[in-house]
C-alpha atoms as a PDB file:
ATOM      1  CA  UNK A   1      -0.143  -0.463   0.232  1.00  0.00           C
ATOM      2  CA  UNK A   2       2.629   2.504  -1.088  1.00  0.00           C
ATOM      3  CA  UNK A   3      -0.109   4.520  -2.679  1.00  0.00           C
ATOM      4  CA  UNK A   4      -1.303   5.649   0.500  1.00  0.00           C
ATOM      5  CA  UNK A   5       1.772   6.204   2.032  1.00  0.00           C
ATOM      6  CA  UNK A   6       0.983  10.228   2.065  1.00  0.00           C
ATOM      7  CA  UNK A   7      -2.309  10.558   3.110  1.00  0.00           C
ATOM      8  CA  UNK A   8      -3.047  11.578   6.081  1.00  0.00           C
ATOM      9  CA  UNK A   9      -7.490  11.311   6.933  1.00  0.00           C
ATOM     10  CA  UNK A  10      -6.794  14.399   9.476  1.00  0.00           C
ATOM     11  CA  UNK A  11      -6.477  16.182   7.027  1.00  0.00           C
ATOM     12  CA  UNK A  12     -10.206  15.069   5.228  1.00  0.00           C
ATOM     13  CA  UNK A  13     -12.474  17.839   5.184  1.00  0.00           C
ATOM     14  CA  UNK A  14     -10.568  19.696   7.326  1.00  0.00           C
ATOM     15  CA  UNK A  15     -11.293  23.619   5.818  1.00  0.00           C
ATOM     16  CA  UNK A  16     -14.256  25.363   5.219  1.00  0.00           C
ATOM     17  CA  UNK A  17     -13.846  25.249   1.548  1.00  0.00           C
ATOM     18  CA  UNK A  18     -13.472  21.577   1.674  1.00  0.00           C
ATOM     19  CA  UNK A  19     -16.873  21.276   3.758  1.00  0.00           C
ATOM     20  CA  UNK A  20     -18.634  24.091   1.525  1.00  0.00           C
ATOM     21  CA  UNK A  21     -17.525  22.458  -2.033  1.00  0.00           C
ATOM     22  CA  UNK A  22     -19.031  18.807   0.072  1.00  0.00           C
ATOM     23  CA  UNK A  23     -22.516  20.542   1.236  1.00  0.00           C
ATOM     24  CA  UNK A  24     -22.738  22.017  -2.413  1.00  0.00           C
ATOM     25  CA  UNK A  25     -22.426  18.306  -3.706  1.00  0.00           C
ATOM     26  CA  UNK A  26     -24.977  17.091  -1.289  1.00  0.00           C
ATOM     27  CA  UNK A  27     -27.746  19.629  -1.775  1.00  0.00           C
ATOM     28  CA  UNK A  28     -27.374  19.758  -5.396  1.00  0.00           C
ATOM     29  CA  UNK A  29     -28.689  15.466  -5.519  1.00  0.00           C
ATOM     30  CA  UNK A  30     -30.502  16.229  -2.403  1.00  0.00           C
ATOM     31  CA  UNK A  31     -33.169  18.790  -2.982  1.00  0.00           C
ATOM     32  CA  UNK A  32     -35.664  18.895  -5.711  1.00  0.00           C
ATOM     33  CA  UNK A  33     -34.964  21.435  -7.767  1.00  0.00           C
ATOM     34  CA  UNK A  34     -32.245  22.238 -10.361  1.00  0.00           C
ATOM     35  CA  UNK A  35     -28.728  22.906  -9.053  1.00  0.00           C
ATOM     36  CA  UNK A  36     -28.224  26.605  -8.906  1.00  0.00           C
ATOM     37  CA  UNK A  37     -24.237  25.826  -9.127  1.00  0.00           C
ATOM     38  CA  UNK A  38     -22.346  25.636 -12.169  1.00  0.00           C
ATOM     39  CA  UNK A  39     -18.926  23.845 -10.776  1.00  0.00           C
ATOM     40  CA  UNK A  40     -16.739  25.276 -13.378  1.00  0.00           C
ATOM     41  CA  UNK A  41     -17.785  28.794 -12.810  1.00  0.00           C
ATOM     42  CA  UNK A  42     -17.283  28.877  -8.693  1.00  0.00           C
ATOM     43  CA  UNK A  43     -13.917  29.157  -7.562  1.00  0.00           C
ATOM     44  CA  UNK A  44     -14.835  27.645  -4.224  1.00  0.00           C
ATOM     45  CA  UNK A  45     -16.088  24.979  -5.577  1.00  0.00           C
ATOM     46  CA  UNK A  46     -13.895  24.316  -8.295  1.00  0.00           C
ATOM     47  CA  UNK A  47     -10.393  24.249  -6.603  1.00  0.00           C
ATOM     48  CA  UNK A  48     -12.442  21.536  -4.299  1.00  0.00           C
ATOM     49  CA  UNK A  49     -14.120  19.991  -7.290  1.00  0.00           C
ATOM     50  CA  UNK A  50     -13.299  16.192  -5.311  1.00  0.00           C
ATOM     51  CA  UNK A  51     -15.363  17.300  -2.713  1.00  0.00           C
ATOM     52  CA  UNK A  52     -18.411  18.794  -4.413  1.00  0.00           C
ATOM     53  CA  UNK A  53     -18.338  14.976  -6.208  1.00  0.00           C
ATOM     54  CA  UNK A  54     -18.275  12.804  -3.644  1.00  0.00           C
ATOM     55  CA  UNK A  55     -21.287  15.154  -1.714  1.00  0.00           C
ATOM     56  CA  UNK A  56     -22.659  14.219  -4.737  1.00  0.00           C
ATOM     57  CA  UNK A  57     -22.335  10.798  -4.335  1.00  0.00           C
ATOM     58  CA  UNK A  58     -23.178  10.640  -0.426  1.00  0.00           C
ATOM     59  CA  UNK A  59     -26.511  12.695  -1.777  1.00  0.00           C
ATOM     60  CA  UNK A  60     -27.401   9.562  -3.930  1.00  0.00           C
ATOM     61  CA  UNK A  61     -26.381   7.619  -1.508  1.00  0.00           C
ATOM     62  CA  UNK A  62     -29.357   9.590   0.804  1.00  0.00           C
ATOM     63  CA  UNK A  63     -31.541   9.410  -1.696  1.00  0.00           C
ATOM     64  CA  UNK A  64     -31.152   5.336  -1.738  1.00  0.00           C
ATOM     65  CA  UNK A  65     -31.258   5.465   1.968  1.00  0.00           C
ATOM     66  CA  UNK A  66     -34.665   7.328   2.378  1.00  0.00           C
ATOM     67  CA  UNK A  67     -36.115   5.317  -0.462  1.00  0.00           C
ATOM     68  CA  UNK A  68     -35.523   2.265   1.465  1.00  0.00           C
ATOM     69  CA  UNK A  69     -37.282   4.161   4.821  1.00  0.00           C
ATOM     70  CA  UNK A  70     -40.290   4.821   2.657  1.00  0.00           C
ATOM     71  CA  UNK A  71     -41.051   1.431   1.711  1.00  0.00           C
ATOM     72  CA  UNK A  72     -40.462   0.004   4.726  1.00  0.00           C
ATOM     73  CA  UNK A  73     -42.942   2.453   6.132  1.00  0.00           C
ATOM     74  CA  UNK A  74     -45.559   2.287   3.842  1.00  0.00           C
ATOM     75  CA  UNK A  75     -45.319  -0.452   1.691  1.00  0.00           C
END
């Protein structure tokens, strides 16, 4: 596992820019209205685009969890 030698878990989501990009990505998927952010034009998100994409993936997983909860509760 040489490729993980320089990775420090303590730096994951350690700045407000990283959190901002993550939350924007999460909300762009979870909210029902179209995304208002164009990431290629947003300086705050384009510098931390990988956190934005991770937030979007987390939003998709959240929708699956919500759908399963609704299925178990009502069907």
